């Protein structure tokens, strides 16, 4: 009998231990589930908040371009160009800002009012229907630092295939790997970003490279030597041209004519092109070298005024480049579009 009672008590204790372990496991699962749920709710609320904030903007037909000039101390000088659809307009910018100016036609300073919206400011102004207005301001609200890593965050209303965002970083900046969702092209000391939605946000990490006096001295010496080499090349170039030899450009003289063969334009670029842009890019892609704008006109049948506008748009987006040789205009794809 004693043995049976002991067995019953022992089994009861085992059941309690198992129940406690199950309760502990369930609690961990519940906590994990709640944390994941809160994370996604936070993301959703942030997105809704952005949409709600920018829905307050009015009188703006397009956001033409935005320039972010990032300083070494984390401050950012911002220029934002807007085309107005009404006499009055309102735009959302980060808060706080310094030295806010609103500039209209002929660089005229416009009168404006501001209204606080939490971490943003709502700016109202009178600029005239169809006119372009530029907002200038400086802020340290866009850049943060964690150790040696800096992060620039920015959100804005935008127009797909029209708005351009220029990011200019301090010299010798190392830009860390970007998210695959951001469509961009490299420019000198920065990036050119192409928004893909009506409310566009991005986050880019970077590091500032350290320099010292020895490095600066070496760079100065290098620039002096490079200047002499350029001068020699220029003298050779004009001497050869003056002697009647056939040469297309200084670039051809120094490096030979570059030919792009066997490369395909990245799909991420093609997906941003409209019909006329796609036809022009495909024609340049299939050619081995640059072709004339007149040849594109004859081959595609695109009206001259439309063709000029489309090529200007592609050149502004850094997808192709042009050069003039007398009265002939040559067109060529930029190297970066091939990946």
C-alpha atoms as a PDB file:
ATOM      1  CA  UNK A   1       0.000   0.000   0.000  1.00  0.00           C
ATOM      2  CA  UNK A   2       2.802   2.374   0.869  1.00  0.00           C
ATOM      3  CA  UNK A   3       4.390   1.654  -2.482  1.00  0.00           C
ATOM      4  CA  UNK A   4       1.184   2.477  -4.311  1.00  0.00           C
ATOM      5  CA  UNK A   5       0.757   5.775  -2.409  1.00  0.00           C
ATOM      6  CA  UNK A   6       4.317   6.759  -3.158  1.00  0.00           C
ATOM      7  CA  UNK A   7       3.755   6.004  -6.854  1.00  0.00           C
ATOM      8  CA  UNK A   8       0.643   8.183  -6.913  1.00  0.00           C
ATOM      9  CA  UNK A   9       2.427  11.095  -5.182  1.00  0.00           C
ATOM     10  CA  UNK A  10       5.410  10.765  -7.523  1.00  0.00           C
ATOM     11  CA  UNK A  11       3.173  10.759 -10.601  1.00  0.00           C
ATOM     12  CA  UNK A  12       1.329  13.855  -9.360  1.00  0.00           C
ATOM     13  CA  UNK A  13       4.633  15.715  -8.910  1.00  0.00           C
ATOM     14  CA  UNK A  14       5.728  14.710 -12.405  1.00  0.00           C
ATOM     15  CA  UNK A  15       2.469  16.042 -13.833  1.00  0.00           C
ATOM     16  CA  UNK A  16       2.967  19.407 -12.073  1.00  0.00           C
ATOM     17  CA  UNK A  17       6.517  19.730 -13.456  1.00  0.00           C
ATOM     18  CA  UNK A  18       5.303  18.918 -16.964  1.00  0.00           C
ATOM     19  CA  UNK A  19       2.427  21.413 -16.620  1.00  0.00           C
ATOM     20  CA  UNK A  20       4.846  24.133 -15.460  1.00  0.00           C
ATOM     21  CA  UNK A  21       7.123  23.474 -18.436  1.00  0.00           C
ATOM     22  CA  UNK A  22       4.173  23.601 -20.809  1.00  0.00           C
ATOM     23  CA  UNK A  23       2.996  26.878 -19.249  1.00  0.00           C
ATOM     24  CA  UNK A  24       6.521  28.310 -19.552  1.00  0.00           C
ATOM     25  CA  UNK A  25       6.713  27.264 -23.219  1.00  0.00           C
ATOM     26  CA  UNK A  26       3.272  28.710 -23.958  1.00  0.00           C
ATOM     27  CA  UNK A  27       4.208  32.019 -22.302  1.00  0.00           C
ATOM     28  CA  UNK A  28       7.366  32.306 -24.412  1.00  0.00           C
ATOM     29  CA  UNK A  29       5.358  31.600 -27.571  1.00  0.00           C
ATOM     30  CA  UNK A  30       2.702  34.143 -26.584  1.00  0.00           C
ATOM     31  CA  UNK A  31       5.323  36.820 -25.812  1.00  0.00           C
ATOM     32  CA  UNK A  32       7.102  36.139 -29.106  1.00  0.00           C
ATOM     33  CA  UNK A  33       3.801  36.374 -30.993  1.00  0.00           C
ATOM     34  CA  UNK A  34       2.888  39.662 -29.262  1.00  0.00           C
ATOM     35  CA  UNK A  35       6.298  41.209 -30.065  1.00  0.00           C
ATOM     36  CA  UNK A  36       6.016  40.256 -33.746  1.00  0.00           C
ATOM     37  CA  UNK A  37       2.447  41.604 -33.866  1.00  0.00           C
ATOM     38  CA  UNK A  38       3.491  44.902 -32.258  1.00  0.00           C
ATOM     39  CA  UNK A  39       6.355  45.242 -34.751  1.00  0.00           C
ATOM     40  CA  UNK A  40       4.085  44.904 -37.780  1.00  0.00           C
ATOM     41  CA  UNK A  41       1.468  47.189 -36.219  1.00  0.00           C
ATOM     42  CA  UNK A  42       4.197  49.797 -35.723  1.00  0.00           C
ATOM     43  CA  UNK A  43       5.250  49.531 -39.381  1.00  0.00           C
ATOM     44  CA  UNK A  44       1.651  49.822 -40.541  1.00  0.00           C
ATOM     45  CA  UNK A  45       0.984  52.846 -38.357  1.00  0.00           C
ATOM     46  CA  UNK A  46       4.181  54.515 -39.604  1.00  0.00           C
ATOM     47  CA  UNK A  47       3.123  53.987 -43.216  1.00  0.00           C
ATOM     48  CA  UNK A  48      -0.388  55.268 -42.531  1.00  0.00           C
ATOM     49  CA  UNK A  49       1.104  58.224 -40.670  1.00  0.00           C
ATOM     50  CA  UNK A  50       3.267  59.135 -43.682  1.00  0.00           C
ATOM     51  CA  UNK A  51       0.322  58.839 -46.056  1.00  0.00           C
ATOM     52  CA  UNK A  52      -1.827  60.927 -43.727  1.00  0.00           C
ATOM     53  CA  UNK A  53       0.795  63.657 -43.341  1.00  0.00           C
ATOM     54  CA  UNK A  54       1.480  64.066 -47.053  1.00  0.00           C
ATOM     55  CA  UNK A  55      -2.227  63.975 -47.898  1.00  0.00           C
ATOM     56  CA  UNK A  56      -2.355  67.451 -46.308  1.00  0.00           C
ATOM     57  CA  UNK A  57      -0.262  68.880 -49.152  1.00  0.00           C
ATOM     58  CA  UNK A  58      -2.204  70.879 -51.733  1.00  0.00           C
ATOM     59  CA  UNK A  59      -1.682  73.034 -54.819  1.00  0.00           C
ATOM     60  CA  UNK A  60       1.301  70.951 -56.049  1.00  0.00           C
ATOM     61  CA  UNK A  61       1.181  69.359 -59.507  1.00  0.00           C
ATOM     62  CA  UNK A  62       4.662  67.777 -59.318  1.00  0.00           C
ATOM     63  CA  UNK A  63       7.764  67.406 -57.167  1.00  0.00           C
ATOM     64  CA  UNK A  64      10.518  68.139 -59.707  1.00  0.00           C
ATOM     65  CA  UNK A  65      13.706  67.446 -57.765  1.00  0.00           C
ATOM     66  CA  UNK A  66      15.143  67.312 -54.245  1.00  0.00           C
ATOM     67  CA  UNK A  67      18.793  67.948 -53.403  1.00  0.00           C
ATOM     68  CA  UNK A  68      20.235  66.752 -50.068  1.00  0.00           C
ATOM     69  CA  UNK A  69      23.709  68.152 -49.373  1.00  0.00           C
ATOM     70  CA  UNK A  70      24.967  66.151 -46.358  1.00  0.00           C
ATOM     71  CA  UNK A  71      27.660  67.751 -44.177  1.00  0.00           C
ATOM     72  CA  UNK A  72      30.321  66.010 -42.063  1.00  0.00           C
ATOM     73  CA  UNK A  73      28.599  67.157 -38.832  1.00  0.00           C
ATOM     74  CA  UNK A  74      25.268  65.557 -39.800  1.00  0.00           C
ATOM     75  CA  UNK A  75      23.495  68.713 -40.938  1.00  0.00           C
ATOM     76  CA  UNK A  76      21.772  68.582 -44.325  1.00  0.00           C
ATOM     77  CA  UNK A  77      21.134  71.512 -46.679  1.00  0.00           C
ATOM     78  CA  UNK A  78      17.938  70.766 -48.579  1.00  0.00           C
ATOM     79  CA  UNK A  79      16.564  72.216 -51.830  1.00  0.00           C
ATOM     80  CA  UNK A  80      13.103  71.027 -52.918  1.00  0.00           C
ATOM     81  CA  UNK A  81      11.605  72.197 -56.258  1.00  0.00           C
ATOM     82  CA  UNK A  82       7.829  72.053 -56.792  1.00  0.00           C
ATOM     83  CA  UNK A  83       5.574  72.992 -59.705  1.00  0.00           C
ATOM     84  CA  UNK A  84       2.290  74.504 -58.513  1.00  0.00           C
ATOM     85  CA  UNK A  85      -1.197  73.680 -59.754  1.00  0.00           C
ATOM     86  CA  UNK A  86      -2.849  76.570 -57.913  1.00  0.00           C
ATOM     87  CA  UNK A  87      -2.121  80.103 -56.742  1.00  0.00           C
ATOM     88  CA  UNK A  88      -1.525  78.887 -53.182  1.00  0.00           C
ATOM     89  CA  UNK A  89       0.143  75.663 -52.055  1.00  0.00           C
ATOM     90  CA  UNK A  90       1.189  73.767 -48.962  1.00  0.00           C
ATOM     91  CA  UNK A  91       4.132  71.384 -48.524  1.00  0.00           C
ATOM     92  CA  UNK A  92       5.390  69.157 -45.694  1.00  0.00           C
ATOM     93  CA  UNK A  93       9.051  69.313 -44.569  1.00  0.00           C
ATOM     94  CA  UNK A  94      10.946  67.813 -41.574  1.00  0.00           C
ATOM     95  CA  UNK A  95      11.094  69.563 -38.203  1.00  0.00           C
ATOM     96  CA  UNK A  96      13.057  71.330 -36.808  1.00  0.00           C
ATOM     97  CA  UNK A  97      14.637  73.348 -39.646  1.00  0.00           C
ATOM     98  CA  UNK A  98      16.874  76.409 -39.849  1.00  0.00           C
ATOM     99  CA  UNK A  99      17.087  79.204 -42.428  1.00  0.00           C
ATOM    100  CA  UNK A 100      13.848  78.284 -44.214  1.00  0.00           C
ATOM    101  CA  UNK A 101      13.368  80.199 -47.475  1.00  0.00           C
ATOM    102  CA  UNK A 102      10.672  79.899 -50.137  1.00  0.00           C
ATOM    103  CA  UNK A 103      11.810  81.207 -53.536  1.00  0.00           C
ATOM    104  CA  UNK A 104       9.612  81.752 -56.584  1.00  0.00           C
ATOM    105  CA  UNK A 105      10.019  83.008 -60.133  1.00  0.00           C
ATOM    106  CA  UNK A 106      13.096  85.202 -60.765  1.00  0.00           C
ATOM    107  CA  UNK A 107      14.472  84.171 -57.344  1.00  0.00           C
ATOM    108  CA  UNK A 108      11.830  86.243 -55.584  1.00  0.00           C
ATOM    109  CA  UNK A 109      11.550  85.551 -51.844  1.00  0.00           C
ATOM    110  CA  UNK A 110       7.966  84.482 -51.080  1.00  0.00           C
ATOM    111  CA  UNK A 111       6.033  85.079 -47.874  1.00  0.00           C
ATOM    112  CA  UNK A 112       5.015  81.885 -46.083  1.00  0.00           C
ATOM    113  CA  UNK A 113       3.406  80.577 -42.892  1.00  0.00           C
ATOM    114  CA  UNK A 114       4.264  77.421 -40.944  1.00  0.00           C
ATOM    115  CA  UNK A 115       2.244  75.013 -38.841  1.00  0.00           C
ATOM    116  CA  UNK A 116       3.752  72.333 -36.585  1.00  0.00           C
ATOM    117  CA  UNK A 117       2.735  68.699 -37.282  1.00  0.00           C
ATOM    118  CA  UNK A 118       4.736  66.743 -34.676  1.00  0.00           C
ATOM    119  CA  UNK A 119       8.079  65.871 -36.265  1.00  0.00           C
ATOM    120  CA  UNK A 120       7.182  67.807 -39.442  1.00  0.00           C
ATOM    121  CA  UNK A 121       6.276  71.342 -40.478  1.00  0.00           C
ATOM    122  CA  UNK A 122       3.488  72.325 -42.852  1.00  0.00           C
ATOM    123  CA  UNK A 123       4.561  75.317 -45.001  1.00  0.00           C
ATOM    124  CA  UNK A 124       1.919  77.389 -46.821  1.00  0.00           C
ATOM    125  CA  UNK A 125       2.824  79.971 -49.468  1.00  0.00           C
ATOM    126  CA  UNK A 126       1.551  81.910 -52.483  1.00  0.00           C
ATOM    127  CA  UNK A 127       3.530  81.114 -55.648  1.00  0.00           C
ATOM    128  CA  UNK A 128       1.263  81.275 -58.712  1.00  0.00           C
ATOM    129  CA  UNK A 129      -0.309  78.548 -60.795  1.00  0.00           C
ATOM    130  CA  UNK A 130       2.139  76.773 -63.127  1.00  0.00           C
ATOM    131  CA  UNK A 131       5.213  78.344 -61.506  1.00  0.00           C
ATOM    132  CA  UNK A 132       8.121  76.464 -59.974  1.00  0.00           C
ATOM    133  CA  UNK A 133       8.814  77.215 -56.311  1.00  0.00           C
ATOM    134  CA  UNK A 134      11.932  76.115 -54.409  1.00  0.00           C
ATOM    135  CA  UNK A 135      12.138  75.481 -50.669  1.00  0.00           C
ATOM    136  CA  UNK A 136      15.551  75.867 -49.011  1.00  0.00           C
ATOM    137  CA  UNK A 137      16.319  74.843 -45.435  1.00  0.00           C
ATOM    138  CA  UNK A 138      18.934  73.227 -43.198  1.00  0.00           C
ATOM    139  CA  UNK A 139      18.259  70.496 -40.618  1.00  0.00           C
ATOM    140  CA  UNK A 140      20.007  67.888 -38.445  1.00  0.00           C
ATOM    141  CA  UNK A 141      16.805  65.856 -38.211  1.00  0.00           C
ATOM    142  CA  UNK A 142      17.573  63.648 -41.248  1.00  0.00           C
ATOM    143  CA  UNK A 143      20.890  62.128 -40.144  1.00  0.00           C
ATOM    144  CA  UNK A 144      21.750  59.944 -37.134  1.00  0.00           C
ATOM    145  CA  UNK A 145      24.945  58.245 -35.944  1.00  0.00           C
ATOM    146  CA  UNK A 146      25.662  54.889 -34.275  1.00  0.00           C
ATOM    147  CA  UNK A 147      29.375  54.361 -33.655  1.00  0.00           C
ATOM    148  CA  UNK A 148      31.189  54.962 -36.940  1.00  0.00           C
ATOM    149  CA  UNK A 149      28.039  54.397 -39.021  1.00  0.00           C
ATOM    150  CA  UNK A 150      25.897  57.334 -40.129  1.00  0.00           C
ATOM    151  CA  UNK A 151      22.338  56.958 -41.417  1.00  0.00           C
ATOM    152  CA  UNK A 152      20.346  59.394 -43.563  1.00  0.00           C
ATOM    153  CA  UNK A 153      16.560  58.943 -43.573  1.00  0.00           C
ATOM    154  CA  UNK A 154      14.175  60.885 -45.768  1.00  0.00           C
ATOM    155  CA  UNK A 155      10.534  60.701 -46.840  1.00  0.00           C
ATOM    156  CA  UNK A 156       8.637  62.870 -49.315  1.00  0.00           C
ATOM    157  CA  UNK A 157       5.725  63.015 -51.680  1.00  0.00           C
ATOM    158  CA  UNK A 158       6.930  62.274 -55.226  1.00  0.00           C
ATOM    159  CA  UNK A 159       5.951  61.655 -58.853  1.00  0.00           C
ATOM    160  CA  UNK A 160       7.097  58.372 -60.366  1.00  0.00           C
ATOM    161  CA  UNK A 161       9.375  58.719 -63.451  1.00  0.00           C
ATOM    162  CA  UNK A 162       9.628  62.457 -62.828  1.00  0.00           C
ATOM    163  CA  UNK A 163      10.968  63.281 -59.367  1.00  0.00           C
ATOM    164  CA  UNK A 164      14.752  63.047 -58.906  1.00  0.00           C
ATOM    165  CA  UNK A 165      16.502  62.979 -55.517  1.00  0.00           C
ATOM    166  CA  UNK A 166      20.181  64.019 -55.483  1.00  0.00           C
ATOM    167  CA  UNK A 167      22.263  62.946 -52.456  1.00  0.00           C
ATOM    168  CA  UNK A 168      25.643  64.659 -52.061  1.00  0.00           C
ATOM    169  CA  UNK A 169      27.925  63.159 -49.396  1.00  0.00           C
ATOM    170  CA  UNK A 170      31.144  64.606 -47.894  1.00  0.00           C
ATOM    171  CA  UNK A 171      34.335  63.742 -49.832  1.00  0.00           C
ATOM    172  CA  UNK A 172      35.821  60.251 -49.232  1.00  0.00           C
ATOM    173  CA  UNK A 173      32.490  58.907 -47.911  1.00  0.00           C
ATOM    174  CA  UNK A 174      31.979  55.128 -48.018  1.00  0.00           C
ATOM    175  CA  UNK A 175      28.348  54.301 -48.858  1.00  0.00           C
ATOM    176  CA  UNK A 176      27.359  50.987 -47.278  1.00  0.00           C
ATOM    177  CA  UNK A 177      25.360  48.338 -49.232  1.00  0.00           C
ATOM    178  CA  UNK A 178      21.887  49.603 -50.167  1.00  0.00           C
ATOM    179  CA  UNK A 179      18.537  47.886 -50.035  1.00  0.00           C
ATOM    180  CA  UNK A 180      17.602  46.152 -53.301  1.00  0.00           C
ATOM    181  CA  UNK A 181      14.336  48.122 -53.325  1.00  0.00           C
ATOM    182  CA  UNK A 182      16.086  51.465 -53.980  1.00  0.00           C
ATOM    183  CA  UNK A 183      16.636  52.352 -57.641  1.00  0.00           C
ATOM    184  CA  UNK A 184      19.658  54.634 -57.981  1.00  0.00           C
ATOM    185  CA  UNK A 185      22.619  55.586 -60.120  1.00  0.00           C
ATOM    186  CA  UNK A 186      26.014  56.855 -58.946  1.00  0.00           C
ATOM    187  CA  UNK A 187      27.022  60.485 -59.363  1.00  0.00           C
ATOM    188  CA  UNK A 188      30.106  62.374 -58.231  1.00  0.00           C
ATOM    189  CA  UNK A 189      30.317  62.191 -54.410  1.00  0.00           C
ATOM    190  CA  UNK A 190      26.803  60.819 -54.160  1.00  0.00           C
ATOM    191  CA  UNK A 191      23.757  59.069 -55.564  1.00  0.00           C
ATOM    192  CA  UNK A 192      20.815  59.895 -57.814  1.00  0.00           C
ATOM    193  CA  UNK A 193      17.695  58.166 -56.444  1.00  0.00           C
ATOM    194  CA  UNK A 194      14.532  57.482 -58.448  1.00  0.00           C
ATOM    195  CA  UNK A 195      11.309  57.363 -56.345  1.00  0.00           C
ATOM    196  CA  UNK A 196       8.949  54.505 -57.211  1.00  0.00           C
ATOM    197  CA  UNK A 197       5.845  55.567 -55.247  1.00  0.00           C
ATOM    198  CA  UNK A 198       3.720  58.647 -54.508  1.00  0.00           C
ATOM    199  CA  UNK A 199       5.001  58.706 -50.912  1.00  0.00           C
ATOM    200  CA  UNK A 200       8.650  57.657 -51.025  1.00  0.00           C
ATOM    201  CA  UNK A 201      10.983  56.858 -48.110  1.00  0.00           C
ATOM    202  CA  UNK A 202      14.545  55.598 -47.984  1.00  0.00           C
ATOM    203  CA  UNK A 203      17.312  54.902 -45.491  1.00  0.00           C
ATOM    204  CA  UNK A 204      20.992  54.892 -46.488  1.00  0.00           C
ATOM    205  CA  UNK A 205      23.973  54.045 -44.262  1.00  0.00           C
ATOM    206  CA  UNK A 206      27.454  55.482 -44.806  1.00  0.00           C
ATOM    207  CA  UNK A 207      30.814  55.973 -43.114  1.00  0.00           C
ATOM    208  CA  UNK A 208      33.180  58.944 -43.178  1.00  0.00           C
ATOM    209  CA  UNK A 209      36.755  58.050 -44.124  1.00  0.00           C
ATOM    210  CA  UNK A 210      39.497  59.547 -41.975  1.00  0.00           C
ATOM    211  CA  UNK A 211      42.122  61.739 -43.682  1.00  0.00           C
ATOM    212  CA  UNK A 212      45.387  63.226 -42.401  1.00  0.00           C
ATOM    213  CA  UNK A 213      47.848  65.877 -43.514  1.00  0.00           C
ATOM    214  CA  UNK A 214      50.119  63.298 -45.211  1.00  0.00           C
ATOM    215  CA  UNK A 215      47.249  61.996 -47.299  1.00  0.00           C
ATOM    216  CA  UNK A 216      46.229  65.536 -48.247  1.00  0.00           C
ATOM    217  CA  UNK A 217      49.788  66.381 -49.259  1.00  0.00           C
ATOM    218  CA  UNK A 218      49.988  63.233 -51.398  1.00  0.00           C
ATOM    219  CA  UNK A 219      46.670  64.106 -53.034  1.00  0.00           C
ATOM    220  CA  UNK A 220      47.847  67.632 -53.807  1.00  0.00           C
ATOM    221  CA  UNK A 221      51.015  66.289 -55.420  1.00  0.00           C
ATOM    222  CA  UNK A 222      48.942  63.814 -57.413  1.00  0.00           C
ATOM    223  CA  UNK A 223      46.670  66.615 -58.655  1.00  0.00           C
ATOM    224  CA  UNK A 224      49.682  68.662 -59.758  1.00  0.00           C
ATOM    225  CA  UNK A 225      51.131  65.731 -61.723  1.00  0.00           C
ATOM    226  CA  UNK A 226      47.707  64.960 -63.166  1.00  0.00           C
ATOM    227  CA  UNK A 227      47.347  68.597 -64.246  1.00  0.00           C
ATOM    228  CA  UNK A 228      50.624  68.432 -66.171  1.00  0.00           C
ATOM    229  CA  UNK A 229      49.552  65.185 -67.853  1.00  0.00           C
ATOM    230  CA  UNK A 230      46.222  66.699 -68.880  1.00  0.00           C
ATOM    231  CA  UNK A 231      48.038  69.742 -70.278  1.00  0.00           C
ATOM    232  CA  UNK A 232      50.303  67.485 -72.348  1.00  0.00           C
ATOM    233  CA  UNK A 233      47.333  65.497 -73.655  1.00  0.00           C
ATOM    234  CA  UNK A 234      45.517  68.720 -74.609  1.00  0.00           C
ATOM    235  CA  UNK A 235      48.574  69.978 -76.498  1.00  0.00           C
ATOM    236  CA  UNK A 236      48.820  66.669 -78.390  1.00  0.00           C
ATOM    237  CA  UNK A 237      45.120  66.718 -79.119  1.00  0.00           C
ATOM    238  CA  UNK A 238      45.086  70.189 -80.671  1.00  0.00           C
ATOM    239  CA  UNK A 239      48.337  69.525 -82.533  1.00  0.00           C
ATOM    240  CA  UNK A 240      46.886  66.355 -84.129  1.00  0.00           C
ATOM    241  CA  UNK A 241      43.603  68.093 -84.968  1.00  0.00           C
ATOM    242  CA  UNK A 242      45.478  71.031 -86.470  1.00  0.00           C
ATOM    243  CA  UNK A 243      47.567  68.680 -88.635  1.00  0.00           C
ATOM    244  CA  UNK A 244      44.386  67.330 -90.258  1.00  0.00           C
ATOM    245  CA  UNK A 245      44.312  63.840 -88.731  1.00  0.00           C
ATOM    246  CA  UNK A 246      40.857  62.406 -88.075  1.00  0.00           C
ATOM    247  CA  UNK A 247      39.909  62.202 -84.418  1.00  0.00           C
ATOM    248  CA  UNK A 248      36.486  62.328 -82.794  1.00  0.00           C
ATOM    249  CA  UNK A 249      37.292  63.501 -79.290  1.00  0.00           C
ATOM    250  CA  UNK A 250      39.916  63.720 -76.567  1.00  0.00           C
ATOM    251  CA  UNK A 251      38.401  60.609 -75.013  1.00  0.00           C
ATOM    252  CA  UNK A 252      38.995  58.671 -78.251  1.00  0.00           C
ATOM    253  CA  UNK A 253      42.606  59.936 -78.411  1.00  0.00           C
ATOM    254  CA  UNK A 254      43.493  58.823 -74.871  1.00  0.00           C
ATOM    255  CA  UNK A 255      41.527  55.598 -74.392  1.00  0.00           C
ATOM    256  CA  UNK A 256      40.375  54.634 -77.885  1.00  0.00           C
ATOM    257  CA  UNK A 257      36.737  54.433 -78.832  1.00  0.00           C
ATOM    258  CA  UNK A 258      34.816  52.497 -76.209  1.00  0.00           C
ATOM    259  CA  UNK A 259      32.487  49.846 -77.516  1.00  0.00           C
ATOM    260  CA  UNK A 260      29.778  48.171 -75.506  1.00  0.00           C
ATOM    261  CA  UNK A 261      29.250  44.641 -76.772  1.00  0.00           C
ATOM    262  CA  UNK A 262      27.361  41.701 -75.356  1.00  0.00           C
ATOM    263  CA  UNK A 263      25.815  43.630 -72.440  1.00  0.00           C
ATOM    264  CA  UNK A 264      22.154  44.014 -71.548  1.00  0.00           C
ATOM    265  CA  UNK A 265      20.517  46.926 -69.780  1.00  0.00           C
ATOM    266  CA  UNK A 266      19.370  45.947 -66.273  1.00  0.00           C
ATOM    267  CA  UNK A 267      15.703  44.970 -65.964  1.00  0.00           C
ATOM    268  CA  UNK A 268      15.347  47.344 -63.007  1.00  0.00           C
ATOM    269  CA  UNK A 269      16.108  50.201 -65.406  1.00  0.00           C
ATOM    270  CA  UNK A 270      13.826  48.953 -68.200  1.00  0.00           C
ATOM    271  CA  UNK A 271      10.913  48.637 -65.764  1.00  0.00           C
ATOM    272  CA  UNK A 272      11.010  52.402 -65.130  1.00  0.00           C
ATOM    273  CA  UNK A 273      10.843  53.384 -68.819  1.00  0.00           C
ATOM    274  CA  UNK A 274       7.768  54.426 -70.775  1.00  0.00           C
ATOM    275  CA  UNK A 275       7.186  53.256 -74.382  1.00  0.00           C
ATOM    276  CA  UNK A 276       9.300  55.910 -76.171  1.00  0.00           C
ATOM    277  CA  UNK A 277      12.086  55.711 -73.580  1.00  0.00           C
ATOM    278  CA  UNK A 278      12.158  51.923 -73.962  1.00  0.00           C
ATOM    279  CA  UNK A 279      12.409  52.107 -77.768  1.00  0.00           C
ATOM    280  CA  UNK A 280      15.364  54.479 -77.586  1.00  0.00           C
ATOM    281  CA  UNK A 281      17.185  52.450 -74.904  1.00  0.00           C
ATOM    282  CA  UNK A 282      16.656  49.186 -76.848  1.00  0.00           C
ATOM    283  CA  UNK A 283      18.058  50.783 -80.021  1.00  0.00           C
ATOM    284  CA  UNK A 284      21.146  51.993 -78.145  1.00  0.00           C
ATOM    285  CA  UNK A 285      21.461  48.621 -76.421  1.00  0.00           C
ATOM    286  CA  UNK A 286      21.519  46.741 -79.730  1.00  0.00           C
ATOM    287  CA  UNK A 287      24.149  49.055 -81.238  1.00  0.00           C
ATOM    288  CA  UNK A 288      27.860  48.568 -80.653  1.00  0.00           C
ATOM    289  CA  UNK A 289      28.550  52.232 -80.056  1.00  0.00           C
ATOM    290  CA  UNK A 290      26.954  55.653 -80.025  1.00  0.00           C
ATOM    291  CA  UNK A 291      24.434  56.590 -82.711  1.00  0.00           C
ATOM    292  CA  UNK A 292      23.151  59.933 -83.938  1.00  0.00           C
ATOM    293  CA  UNK A 293      19.945  61.522 -82.762  1.00  0.00           C
ATOM    294  CA  UNK A 294      18.936  61.938 -86.401  1.00  0.00           C
ATOM    295  CA  UNK A 295      19.271  58.179 -86.927  1.00  0.00           C
ATOM    296  CA  UNK A 296      17.023  57.516 -83.931  1.00  0.00           C
ATOM    297  CA  UNK A 297      14.437  59.942 -85.376  1.00  0.00           C
ATOM    298  CA  UNK A 298      14.452  58.237 -88.788  1.00  0.00           C
ATOM    299  CA  UNK A 299      14.348  54.708 -87.316  1.00  0.00           C
ATOM    300  CA  UNK A 300      11.624  55.223 -84.697  1.00  0.00           C
ATOM    301  CA  UNK A 301       9.454  57.873 -86.346  1.00  0.00           C
ATOM    302  CA  UNK A 302       9.105  59.670 -83.001  1.00  0.00           C
ATOM    303  CA  UNK A 303       8.379  63.384 -83.672  1.00  0.00           C
ATOM    304  CA  UNK A 304      11.458  65.578 -83.272  1.00  0.00           C
ATOM    305  CA  UNK A 305      10.025  67.650 -80.399  1.00  0.00           C
ATOM    306  CA  UNK A 306       8.939  64.510 -78.527  1.00  0.00           C
ATOM    307  CA  UNK A 307      12.251  62.775 -79.239  1.00  0.00           C
ATOM    308  CA  UNK A 308      14.241  65.719 -77.890  1.00  0.00           C
ATOM    309  CA  UNK A 309      12.109  65.784 -74.734  1.00  0.00           C
ATOM    310  CA  UNK A 310      12.497  62.022 -74.175  1.00  0.00           C
ATOM    311  CA  UNK A 311      16.287  62.130 -74.680  1.00  0.00           C
ATOM    312  CA  UNK A 312      16.548  65.118 -72.322  1.00  0.00           C
ATOM    313  CA  UNK A 313      14.607  63.139 -69.723  1.00  0.00           C
ATOM    314  CA  UNK A 314      16.856  60.073 -70.074  1.00  0.00           C
ATOM    315  CA  UNK A 315      19.963  62.251 -69.917  1.00  0.00           C
ATOM    316  CA  UNK A 316      18.669  63.982 -66.793  1.00  0.00           C
ATOM    317  CA  UNK A 317      18.200  60.551 -65.197  1.00  0.00           C
ATOM    318  CA  UNK A 318      21.831  59.671 -66.073  1.00  0.00           C
ATOM    319  CA  UNK A 319      20.750  56.750 -68.304  1.00  0.00           C
ATOM    320  CA  UNK A 320      22.400  58.108 -71.463  1.00  0.00           C
ATOM    321  CA  UNK A 321      24.780  60.878 -72.459  1.00  0.00           C
ATOM    322  CA  UNK A 322      25.077  63.112 -75.512  1.00  0.00           C
ATOM    323  CA  UNK A 323      27.886  64.927 -77.268  1.00  0.00           C
ATOM    324  CA  UNK A 324      27.928  67.378 -80.146  1.00  0.00           C
ATOM    325  CA  UNK A 325      30.300  67.100 -83.098  1.00  0.00           C
ATOM    326  CA  UNK A 326      29.635  70.191 -85.151  1.00  0.00           C
ATOM    327  CA  UNK A 327      25.912  70.057 -85.956  1.00  0.00           C
ATOM    328  CA  UNK A 328      25.647  66.317 -85.272  1.00  0.00           C
ATOM    329  CA  UNK A 329      24.346  65.039 -81.932  1.00  0.00           C
ATOM    330  CA  UNK A 330      25.624  61.638 -80.801  1.00  0.00           C
ATOM    331  CA  UNK A 331      23.811  59.543 -78.166  1.00  0.00           C
ATOM    332  CA  UNK A 332      25.268  56.753 -76.026  1.00  0.00           C
ATOM    333  CA  UNK A 333      24.186  54.678 -72.975  1.00  0.00           C
ATOM    334  CA  UNK A 334      25.954  55.239 -69.649  1.00  0.00           C
ATOM    335  CA  UNK A 335      28.094  52.307 -68.471  1.00  0.00           C
ATOM    336  CA  UNK A 336      26.318  51.846 -65.125  1.00  0.00           C
ATOM    337  CA  UNK A 337      22.994  50.787 -66.747  1.00  0.00           C
ATOM    338  CA  UNK A 338      24.591  47.456 -67.736  1.00  0.00           C
ATOM    339  CA  UNK A 339      25.110  46.479 -64.094  1.00  0.00           C
END
